[in-house]
């Protein structure tokens, strides 16, 4: 379905923030209903504010170097 990666976002003055990046598996990018479900999930979760739910603060498309495939990902603040 999707893979979640732990990443660190670095900024000015030594600012660091841990984030989770969720990416759809490449073979599911051709399934429009799955992509739509992924986008719906991001929209719904973005409206939730709770300490046990990661906050969505970015949604975008990233080109994968292999051909013209696209990968949609969300970046979420990791709940502490």
C-alpha atoms as a PDB file:
ATOM      1  CA  UNK A   1       0.000   0.000   0.000  1.00  0.00           C
ATOM      2  CA  UNK A   2       2.440   2.667   1.218  1.00  0.00           C
ATOM      3  CA  UNK A   3       5.786   2.936   2.964  1.00  0.00           C
ATOM      4  CA  UNK A   4       6.468   5.283   5.879  1.00  0.00           C
ATOM      5  CA  UNK A   5      10.001   6.635   6.288  1.00  0.00           C
ATOM      6  CA  UNK A   6      11.412   8.447   9.314  1.00  0.00           C
ATOM      7  CA  UNK A   7      13.339  11.552   8.247  1.00  0.00           C
ATOM      8  CA  UNK A   8      14.903  14.600   9.816  1.00  0.00           C
ATOM      9  CA  UNK A   9      14.123  18.059   8.496  1.00  0.00           C
ATOM     10  CA  UNK A  10      17.043  20.446   9.030  1.00  0.00           C
ATOM     11  CA  UNK A  11      16.736  24.225   9.065  1.00  0.00           C
ATOM     12  CA  UNK A  12      18.608  27.378   9.926  1.00  0.00           C
ATOM     13  CA  UNK A  13      20.506  27.691  13.180  1.00  0.00           C
ATOM     14  CA  UNK A  14      20.592  23.964  13.849  1.00  0.00           C
ATOM     15  CA  UNK A  15      16.791  23.608  13.782  1.00  0.00           C
ATOM     16  CA  UNK A  16      15.779  19.944  13.469  1.00  0.00           C
ATOM     17  CA  UNK A  17      12.423  18.240  13.375  1.00  0.00           C
ATOM     18  CA  UNK A  18      11.629  14.547  12.986  1.00  0.00           C
ATOM     19  CA  UNK A  19       9.020  13.829  10.336  1.00  0.00           C
ATOM     20  CA  UNK A  20       7.381  10.784   8.774  1.00  0.00           C
ATOM     21  CA  UNK A  21       7.126  10.621   4.989  1.00  0.00           C
ATOM     22  CA  UNK A  22       4.476   8.326   3.536  1.00  0.00           C
ATOM     23  CA  UNK A  23       4.892   7.245  -0.087  1.00  0.00           C
ATOM     24  CA  UNK A  24       2.562   5.153  -2.223  1.00  0.00           C
ATOM     25  CA  UNK A  25       4.151   1.981  -3.617  1.00  0.00           C
ATOM     26  CA  UNK A  26       5.038   2.446  -7.295  1.00  0.00           C
ATOM     27  CA  UNK A  27       2.804  -0.380  -8.549  1.00  0.00           C
ATOM     28  CA  UNK A  28      -0.255   1.310  -6.998  1.00  0.00           C
ATOM     29  CA  UNK A  29       0.302   4.662  -8.714  1.00  0.00           C
ATOM     30  CA  UNK A  30      -1.512   3.363 -11.789  1.00  0.00           C
ATOM     31  CA  UNK A  31      -4.632   2.612  -9.717  1.00  0.00           C
ATOM     32  CA  UNK A  32      -6.521   5.922  -9.756  1.00  0.00           C
ATOM     33  CA  UNK A  33      -8.930   4.790  -7.020  1.00  0.00           C
ATOM     34  CA  UNK A  34      -6.016   4.009  -4.682  1.00  0.00           C
ATOM     35  CA  UNK A  35      -4.355   7.356  -5.380  1.00  0.00           C
ATOM     36  CA  UNK A  36      -7.685   9.088  -4.697  1.00  0.00           C
ATOM     37  CA  UNK A  37      -8.048   7.154  -1.429  1.00  0.00           C
ATOM     38  CA  UNK A  38      -4.525   8.223  -0.404  1.00  0.00           C
ATOM     39  CA  UNK A  39      -5.365  11.872  -1.127  1.00  0.00           C
ATOM     40  CA  UNK A  40      -8.669  11.571   0.751  1.00  0.00           C
ATOM     41  CA  UNK A  41      -6.808  10.152   3.755  1.00  0.00           C
ATOM     42  CA  UNK A  42      -4.423  13.129   3.734  1.00  0.00           C
ATOM     43  CA  UNK A  43      -7.323  15.602   3.543  1.00  0.00           C
ATOM     44  CA  UNK A  44      -9.149  13.930   6.444  1.00  0.00           C
ATOM     45  CA  UNK A  45      -6.079  13.591   8.665  1.00  0.00           C
ATOM     46  CA  UNK A  46      -5.139  17.233   7.988  1.00  0.00           C
ATOM     47  CA  UNK A  47      -8.375  18.263   9.712  1.00  0.00           C
ATOM     48  CA  UNK A  48      -7.618  16.268  12.892  1.00  0.00           C
ATOM     49  CA  UNK A  49      -5.783  17.854  15.800  1.00  0.00           C
ATOM     50  CA  UNK A  50      -4.946  15.238  18.446  1.00  0.00           C
ATOM     51  CA  UNK A  51      -1.769  14.256  20.304  1.00  0.00           C
ATOM     52  CA  UNK A  52      -2.034  10.651  19.028  1.00  0.00           C
ATOM     53  CA  UNK A  53      -2.379  11.632  15.360  1.00  0.00           C
ATOM     54  CA  UNK A  54       0.527  12.923  13.265  1.00  0.00           C
ATOM     55  CA  UNK A  55      -0.160  16.340  11.765  1.00  0.00           C
ATOM     56  CA  UNK A  56      -0.072  16.551   7.965  1.00  0.00           C
ATOM     57  CA  UNK A  57       1.768  19.690   6.943  1.00  0.00           C
ATOM     58  CA  UNK A  58       2.670  18.973   3.327  1.00  0.00           C
ATOM     59  CA  UNK A  59       1.232  16.970   0.461  1.00  0.00           C
ATOM     60  CA  UNK A  60       2.892  16.735  -2.918  1.00  0.00           C
ATOM     61  CA  UNK A  61       4.054  14.739  -5.903  1.00  0.00           C
ATOM     62  CA  UNK A  62       7.640  13.649  -6.421  1.00  0.00           C
ATOM     63  CA  UNK A  63       9.025  12.294  -9.645  1.00  0.00           C
ATOM     64  CA  UNK A  64      10.801   8.990  -9.384  1.00  0.00           C
ATOM     65  CA  UNK A  65      13.955   8.776 -11.526  1.00  0.00           C
ATOM     66  CA  UNK A  66      12.635   5.702 -13.328  1.00  0.00           C
ATOM     67  CA  UNK A  67      10.546   6.948 -16.239  1.00  0.00           C
ATOM     68  CA  UNK A  68       7.503   9.125 -15.854  1.00  0.00           C
ATOM     69  CA  UNK A  69       6.070   7.543 -12.683  1.00  0.00           C
ATOM     70  CA  UNK A  70       4.877   9.760  -9.894  1.00  0.00           C
ATOM     71  CA  UNK A  71       4.912   9.184  -6.175  1.00  0.00           C
ATOM     72  CA  UNK A  72       2.551  11.050  -3.892  1.00  0.00           C
ATOM     73  CA  UNK A  73       3.756  11.595  -0.354  1.00  0.00           C
ATOM     74  CA  UNK A  74       2.666  13.224   2.847  1.00  0.00           C
ATOM     75  CA  UNK A  75       5.031  14.540   5.433  1.00  0.00           C
ATOM     76  CA  UNK A  76       3.735  14.414   8.976  1.00  0.00           C
ATOM     77  CA  UNK A  77       5.063  15.646  12.282  1.00  0.00           C
ATOM     78  CA  UNK A  78       5.806  12.620  14.444  1.00  0.00           C
ATOM     79  CA  UNK A  79       3.716  12.507  17.595  1.00  0.00           C
ATOM     80  CA  UNK A  80       5.848  12.596  20.723  1.00  0.00           C
END
